[in-house]
Amino acid sequence: MDTEAIALIVDEPIAGHFYWVLQKQDGNDCRPIEAAEGPMPTYGAAMMAGIAALQRRNDARAGSSTIH
């Protein structure tokens, strides 16, 4: 069983510019593995886009582990 844990973070480095980031635990540190290419106008929009990215990663992993 693969227990890869990925966290979804929404950051607002500039007021009104929200970015999602997928991070993976790497020892005591977290490292980004995927991120938004540009800012989103709201926290909710960034969260939904991040969830979609997380789902795509999950779907790709599930598809690659299917035995034919």
PDB file of N, CA and C in Angstrom:
ATOM      1  N   MET A   1       0.840  -1.185   0.000  1.00  0.00           N
ATOM      2  CA  MET A   1       0.000   0.000   0.000  1.00  0.00           C
ATOM      3  C   MET A   1       0.881   1.243   0.000  1.00  0.00           C
ATOM      4  N   ASP A   2       0.617   2.152  -0.937  1.00  0.00           N
ATOM      5  CA  ASP A   2       1.366   3.401  -1.034  1.00  0.00           C
ATOM      6  C   ASP A   2       0.717   4.437  -0.132  1.00  0.00           C
ATOM      7  N   THR A   3       1.507   5.049   0.735  1.00  0.00           N
ATOM      8  CA  THR A   3       0.958   6.012   1.687  1.00  0.00           C
ATOM      9  C   THR A   3       1.479   7.421   1.416  1.00  0.00           C
ATOM     10  N   GLU A   4       1.696   7.765   0.159  1.00  0.00           N
ATOM     11  CA  GLU A   4       2.187   9.090  -0.183  1.00  0.00           C
ATOM     12  C   GLU A   4       1.174  10.145   0.270  1.00  0.00           C
ATOM     13  N   ALA A   5       1.602  11.023   1.161  1.00  0.00           N
ATOM     14  CA  ALA A   5       0.731  12.086   1.658  1.00  0.00           C
ATOM     15  C   ALA A   5       1.079  13.390   0.957  1.00  0.00           C
ATOM     16  N   ILE A   6       0.050  14.027   0.415  1.00  0.00           N
ATOM     17  CA  ILE A   6       0.227  15.297  -0.273  1.00  0.00           C
ATOM     18  C   ILE A   6      -0.715  16.306   0.372  1.00  0.00           C
ATOM     19  N   ALA A   7      -0.189  17.476   0.685  1.00  0.00           N
ATOM     20  CA  ALA A   7      -0.987  18.546   1.275  1.00  0.00           C
ATOM     21  C   ALA A   7      -1.304  19.597   0.221  1.00  0.00           C
ATOM     22  N   LEU A   8      -2.513  20.133   0.283  1.00  0.00           N
ATOM     23  CA  LEU A   8      -2.923  21.238  -0.574  1.00  0.00           C
ATOM     24  C   LEU A   8      -2.887  22.512   0.259  1.00  0.00           C
ATOM     25  N   ILE A   9      -2.099  23.474  -0.189  1.00  0.00           N
ATOM     26  CA  ILE A   9      -1.949  24.758   0.491  1.00  0.00           C
ATOM     27  C   ILE A   9      -2.447  25.854  -0.452  1.00  0.00           C
ATOM     28  N   VAL A  10      -3.175  26.829   0.088  1.00  0.00           N
ATOM     29  CA  VAL A  10      -3.534  28.018  -0.681  1.00  0.00           C
ATOM     30  C   VAL A  10      -2.811  29.194  -0.043  1.00  0.00           C
ATOM     31  N   ASP A  11      -2.054  29.917  -0.857  1.00  0.00           N
ATOM     32  CA  ASP A  11      -1.244  31.035  -0.385  1.00  0.00           C
ATOM     33  C   ASP A  11      -1.729  32.321  -1.053  1.00  0.00           C
ATOM     34  N   GLU A  12      -1.617  33.436  -0.328  1.00  0.00           N
ATOM     35  CA  GLU A  12      -1.972  34.750  -0.866  1.00  0.00           C
ATOM     36  C   GLU A  12      -0.782  35.691  -0.654  1.00  0.00           C
ATOM     37  N   PRO A  13       0.255  35.572  -1.509  1.00  0.00           N
ATOM     38  CA  PRO A  13       1.454  36.386  -1.307  1.00  0.00           C
ATOM     39  C   PRO A  13       1.222  37.886  -1.544  1.00  0.00           C
ATOM     40  N   ILE A  14       0.247  38.195  -2.384  1.00  0.00           N
ATOM     41  CA  ILE A  14      -0.142  39.579  -2.663  1.00  0.00           C
ATOM     42  C   ILE A  14      -1.657  39.637  -2.485  1.00  0.00           C
ATOM     43  N   ALA A  15      -2.148  40.666  -1.840  1.00  0.00           N
ATOM     44  CA  ALA A  15      -3.583  40.783  -1.599  1.00  0.00           C
ATOM     45  C   ALA A  15      -4.388  40.551  -2.878  1.00  0.00           C
ATOM     46  N   GLY A  16      -5.327  39.597  -2.811  1.00  0.00           N
ATOM     47  CA  GLY A  16      -6.196  39.298  -3.949  1.00  0.00           C
ATOM     48  C   GLY A  16      -5.614  38.369  -4.993  1.00  0.00           C
ATOM     49  N   HIS A  17      -4.426  37.823  -4.759  1.00  0.00           N
ATOM     50  CA  HIS A  17      -3.777  36.881  -5.678  1.00  0.00           C
ATOM     51  C   HIS A  17      -3.550  35.568  -4.929  1.00  0.00           C
ATOM     52  N   PHE A  18      -4.367  34.578  -5.229  1.00  0.00           N
ATOM     53  CA  PHE A  18      -4.320  33.298  -4.524  1.00  0.00           C
ATOM     54  C   PHE A  18      -3.700  32.223  -5.411  1.00  0.00           C
ATOM     55  N   TYR A  19      -2.809  31.448  -4.839  1.00  0.00           N
ATOM     56  CA  TYR A  19      -2.126  30.358  -5.542  1.00  0.00           C
ATOM     57  C   TYR A  19      -2.303  29.069  -4.760  1.00  0.00           C
ATOM     58  N   TRP A  20      -2.553  27.959  -5.451  1.00  0.00           N
ATOM     59  CA  TRP A  20      -2.567  26.660  -4.789  1.00  0.00           C
ATOM     60  C   TRP A  20      -1.209  26.007  -4.992  1.00  0.00           C
ATOM     61  N   VAL A  21      -0.798  25.205  -4.012  1.00  0.00           N
ATOM     62  CA  VAL A  21       0.462  24.474  -4.066  1.00  0.00           C
ATOM     63  C   VAL A  21       0.228  23.087  -3.487  1.00  0.00           C
ATOM     64  N   LEU A  22       0.665  22.057  -4.202  1.00  0.00           N
ATOM     65  CA  LEU A  22       0.656  20.700  -3.652  1.00  0.00           C
ATOM     66  C   LEU A  22       2.047  20.449  -3.087  1.00  0.00           C
ATOM     67  N   GLN A  23       2.099  20.009  -1.830  1.00  0.00           N
ATOM     68  CA  GLN A  23       3.370  19.764  -1.161  1.00  0.00           C
ATOM     69  C   GLN A  23       3.432  18.326  -0.658  1.00  0.00           C
ATOM     70  N   LYS A  24       4.647  17.791  -0.674  1.00  0.00           N
ATOM     71  CA  LYS A  24       4.896  16.436  -0.188  1.00  0.00           C
ATOM     72  C   LYS A  24       5.904  16.507   0.950  1.00  0.00           C
ATOM     73  N   GLN A  25       5.660  15.713   1.986  1.00  0.00           N
ATOM     74  CA  GLN A  25       6.590  15.646   3.114  1.00  0.00           C
ATOM     75  C   GLN A  25       7.895  15.012   2.653  1.00  0.00           C
ATOM     76  N   ASP A  26       8.998  15.674   2.954  1.00  0.00           N
ATOM     77  CA  ASP A  26      10.326  15.186   2.583  1.00  0.00           C
ATOM     78  C   ASP A  26      11.198  15.261   3.837  1.00  0.00           C
ATOM     79  N   GLY A  27      11.177  14.210   4.635  1.00  0.00           N
ATOM     80  CA  GLY A  27      11.862  14.235   5.928  1.00  0.00           C
ATOM     81  C   GLY A  27      11.143  15.189   6.853  1.00  0.00           C
ATOM     82  N   ASN A  28      11.849  16.170   7.373  1.00  0.00           N
ATOM     83  CA  ASN A  28      11.234  17.177   8.237  1.00  0.00           C
ATOM     84  C   ASN A  28      10.709  18.372   7.466  1.00  0.00           C
ATOM     85  N   ASP A  29      10.941  18.402   6.175  1.00  0.00           N
ATOM     86  CA  ASP A  29      10.538  19.530   5.341  1.00  0.00           C
ATOM     87  C   ASP A  29       9.422  19.122   4.389  1.00  0.00           C
ATOM     88  N   CYS A  30       8.729  20.127   3.873  1.00  0.00           N
ATOM     89  CA  CYS A  30       7.763  19.917   2.797  1.00  0.00           C
ATOM     90  C   CYS A  30       8.351  20.528   1.541  1.00  0.00           C
ATOM     91  N   ARG A  31       8.151  19.847   0.429  1.00  0.00           N
ATOM     92  CA  ARG A  31       8.647  20.391  -0.835  1.00  0.00           C
ATOM     93  C   ARG A  31       7.485  20.475  -1.824  1.00  0.00           C
ATOM     94  N   PRO A  32       7.420  21.555  -2.584  1.00  0.00           N
ATOM     95  CA  PRO A  32       6.345  21.682  -3.569  1.00  0.00           C
ATOM     96  C   PRO A  32       6.545  20.680  -4.705  1.00  0.00           C
ATOM     97  N   ILE A  33       5.449  20.072  -5.139  1.00  0.00           N
ATOM     98  CA  ILE A  33       5.522  19.121  -6.248  1.00  0.00           C
ATOM     99  C   ILE A  33       4.694  19.588  -7.447  1.00  0.00           C
ATOM    100  N   GLU A  34       3.778  20.525  -7.205  1.00  0.00           N
ATOM    101  CA  GLU A  34       2.971  21.091  -8.290  1.00  0.00           C
ATOM    102  C   GLU A  34       2.353  22.380  -7.752  1.00  0.00           C
ATOM    103  N   ALA A  35       2.150  23.358  -8.633  1.00  0.00           N
ATOM    104  CA  ALA A  35       1.598  24.631  -8.192  1.00  0.00           C
ATOM    105  C   ALA A  35       0.832  25.305  -9.326  1.00  0.00           C
ATOM    106  N   ALA A  36       0.010  26.267  -8.945  1.00  0.00           N
ATOM    107  CA  ALA A  36      -0.739  27.060  -9.919  1.00  0.00           C
ATOM    108  C   ALA A  36       0.236  27.826 -10.803  1.00  0.00           C
ATOM    109  N   GLU A  37      -0.104  27.940 -12.073  1.00  0.00           N
ATOM    110  CA  GLU A  37       0.750  28.700 -12.995  1.00  0.00           C
ATOM    111  C   GLU A  37       0.532  30.201 -12.859  1.00  0.00           C
ATOM    112  N   GLY A  38      -0.617  30.588 -12.353  1.00  0.00           N
ATOM    113  CA  GLY A  38      -0.916  32.005 -12.190  1.00  0.00           C
ATOM    114  C   GLY A  38      -1.899  32.202 -11.056  1.00  0.00           C
ATOM    115  N   PRO A  39      -2.135  33.448 -10.696  1.00  0.00           N
ATOM    116  CA  PRO A  39      -3.001  33.733  -9.556  1.00  0.00           C
ATOM    117  C   PRO A  39      -4.483  33.481  -9.854  1.00  0.00           C
ATOM    118  N   MET A  40      -5.211  33.165  -8.802  1.00  0.00           N
ATOM    119  CA  MET A  40      -6.659  33.009  -8.857  1.00  0.00           C
ATOM    120  C   MET A  40      -7.260  34.203  -8.107  1.00  0.00           C
ATOM    121  N   PRO A  41      -8.478  34.611  -8.467  1.00  0.00           N
ATOM    122  CA  PRO A  41      -9.053  35.810  -7.862  1.00  0.00           C
ATOM    123  C   PRO A  41      -9.584  35.625  -6.443  1.00  0.00           C
ATOM    124  N   THR A  42      -9.863  34.365  -6.047  1.00  0.00           N
ATOM    125  CA  THR A  42     -10.411  34.122  -4.713  1.00  0.00           C
ATOM    126  C   THR A  42      -9.764  32.887  -4.093  1.00  0.00           C
ATOM    127  N   TYR A  43      -9.847  32.811  -2.772  1.00  0.00           N
ATOM    128  CA  TYR A  43      -9.367  31.639  -2.050  1.00  0.00           C
ATOM    129  C   TYR A  43     -10.106  30.391  -2.534  1.00  0.00           C
ATOM    130  N   GLY A  44     -11.438  30.512  -2.660  1.00  0.00           N
ATOM    131  CA  GLY A  44     -12.250  29.367  -3.085  1.00  0.00           C
ATOM    132  C   GLY A  44     -11.865  28.852  -4.461  1.00  0.00           C
ATOM    133  N   ALA A  45     -11.607  29.769  -5.394  1.00  0.00           N
ATOM    134  CA  ALA A  45     -11.209  29.361  -6.748  1.00  0.00           C
ATOM    135  C   ALA A  45      -9.874  28.627  -6.711  1.00  0.00           C
ATOM    136  N   ALA A  46      -8.940  29.137  -5.909  1.00  0.00           N
ATOM    137  CA  ALA A  46      -7.635  28.477  -5.794  1.00  0.00           C
ATOM    138  C   ALA A  46      -7.777  27.111  -5.139  1.00  0.00           C
ATOM    139  N   MET A  47      -8.616  27.012  -4.125  1.00  0.00           N
ATOM    140  CA  MET A  47      -8.830  25.728  -3.447  1.00  0.00           C
ATOM    141  C   MET A  47      -9.433  24.706  -4.410  1.00  0.00           C
ATOM    142  N   MET A  48     -10.444  25.120  -5.180  1.00  0.00           N
ATOM    143  CA  MET A  48     -11.077  24.197  -6.129  1.00  0.00           C
ATOM    144  C   MET A  48     -10.102  23.761  -7.224  1.00  0.00           C
ATOM    145  N   ALA A  49      -9.284  24.680  -7.722  1.00  0.00           N
ATOM    146  CA  ALA A  49      -8.289  24.328  -8.743  1.00  0.00           C
ATOM    147  C   ALA A  49      -7.251  23.379  -8.159  1.00  0.00           C
ATOM    148  N   GLY A  50      -6.855  23.594  -6.916  1.00  0.00           N
ATOM    149  CA  GLY A  50      -5.905  22.696  -6.255  1.00  0.00           C
ATOM    150  C   GLY A  50      -6.487  21.310  -6.044  1.00  0.00           C
ATOM    151  N   ILE A  51      -7.759  21.253  -5.662  1.00  0.00           N
ATOM    152  CA  ILE A  51      -8.432  19.953  -5.494  1.00  0.00           C
ATOM    153  C   ILE A  51      -8.491  19.222  -6.828  1.00  0.00           C
ATOM    154  N   ALA A  52      -8.778  19.947  -7.903  1.00  0.00           N
ATOM    155  CA  ALA A  52      -8.814  19.328  -9.239  1.00  0.00           C
ATOM    156  C   ALA A  52      -7.434  18.772  -9.608  1.00  0.00           C
ATOM    157  N   ALA A  53      -6.374  19.509  -9.295  1.00  0.00           N
ATOM    158  CA  ALA A  53      -5.015  19.030  -9.581  1.00  0.00           C
ATOM    159  C   ALA A  53      -4.698  17.788  -8.760  1.00  0.00           C
ATOM    160  N   LEU A  54      -5.118  17.794  -7.515  1.00  0.00           N
ATOM    161  CA  LEU A  54      -4.904  16.633  -6.648  1.00  0.00           C
ATOM    162  C   LEU A  54      -5.668  15.420  -7.182  1.00  0.00           C
ATOM    163  N   GLN A  55      -6.887  15.632  -7.653  1.00  0.00           N
ATOM    164  CA  GLN A  55      -7.683  14.547  -8.226  1.00  0.00           C
ATOM    165  C   GLN A  55      -7.040  14.011  -9.503  1.00  0.00           C
ATOM    166  N   ARG A  56      -6.506  14.895 -10.354  1.00  0.00           N
ATOM    167  CA  ARG A  56      -5.822  14.440 -11.583  1.00  0.00           C
ATOM    168  C   ARG A  56      -4.621  13.565 -11.234  1.00  0.00           C
ATOM    169  N   ARG A  57      -3.847  13.970 -10.204  1.00  0.00           N
ATOM    170  CA  ARG A  57      -2.704  13.154  -9.768  1.00  0.00           C
ATOM    171  C   ARG A  57      -3.185  11.787  -9.301  1.00  0.00           C
ATOM    172  N   ASN A  58      -4.260  11.780  -8.526  1.00  0.00           N
ATOM    173  CA  ASN A  58      -4.798  10.527  -8.011  1.00  0.00           C
ATOM    174  C   ASN A  58      -5.296   9.632  -9.142  1.00  0.00           C
ATOM    175  N   ASP A  59      -6.011  10.229 -10.096  1.00  0.00           N
ATOM    176  CA  ASP A  59      -6.516   9.462 -11.238  1.00  0.00           C
ATOM    177  C   ASP A  59      -5.368   8.891 -12.066  1.00  0.00           C
ATOM    178  N   ALA A  60      -4.316   9.679 -12.271  1.00  0.00           N
ATOM    179  CA  ALA A  60      -3.159   9.210 -13.047  1.00  0.00           C
ATOM    180  C   ALA A  60      -2.472   8.059 -12.326  1.00  0.00           C
ATOM    181  N   ARG A  61      -2.334   8.170 -11.014  1.00  0.00           N
ATOM    182  CA  ARG A  61      -1.711   7.089 -10.231  1.00  0.00           C
ATOM    183  C   ARG A  61      -2.564   5.825 -10.266  1.00  0.00           C
ATOM    184  N   ALA A  62      -3.869   5.981 -10.146  1.00  0.00           N
ATOM    185  CA  ALA A  62      -4.769   4.831 -10.166  1.00  0.00           C
ATOM    186  C   ALA A  62      -4.740   4.157 -11.539  1.00  0.00           C
ATOM    187  N   GLY A  63      -4.690   4.959 -12.596  1.00  0.00           N
ATOM    188  CA  GLY A  63      -4.626   4.421 -13.956  1.00  0.00           C
ATOM    189  C   GLY A  63      -3.329   3.701 -14.241  1.00  0.00           C
ATOM    190  N   SER A  64      -2.224   4.188 -13.670  1.00  0.00           N
ATOM    191  CA  SER A  64      -0.936   3.550 -13.932  1.00  0.00           C
ATOM    192  C   SER A  64      -0.762   2.271 -13.132  1.00  0.00           C
ATOM    193  N   SER A  65      -1.572   2.073 -12.103  1.00  0.00           N
ATOM    194  CA  SER A  65      -1.428   0.851 -11.297  1.00  0.00           C
ATOM    195  C   SER A  65      -2.417  -0.233 -11.699  1.00  0.00           C
ATOM    196  N   THR A  66      -3.250   0.056 -12.696  1.00  0.00           N
ATOM    197  CA  THR A  66      -4.209  -0.924 -13.165  1.00  0.00           C
ATOM    198  C   THR A  66      -3.485  -2.030 -13.946  1.00  0.00           C
ATOM    199  N   ILE A  67      -3.798  -3.262 -13.609  1.00  0.00           N
ATOM    200  CA  ILE A  67      -3.192  -4.420 -14.306  1.00  0.00           C
ATOM    201  C   ILE A  67      -4.090  -4.804 -15.473  1.00  0.00           C
ATOM    202  N   HIS A  68      -3.491  -4.926 -16.661  1.00  0.00           N
ATOM    203  CA  HIS A  68      -4.256  -5.283 -17.859  1.00  0.00           C
ATOM    204  C   HIS A  68      -4.065  -6.726 -18.183  1.00  0.00           C
TER     205      HIS A  68
END
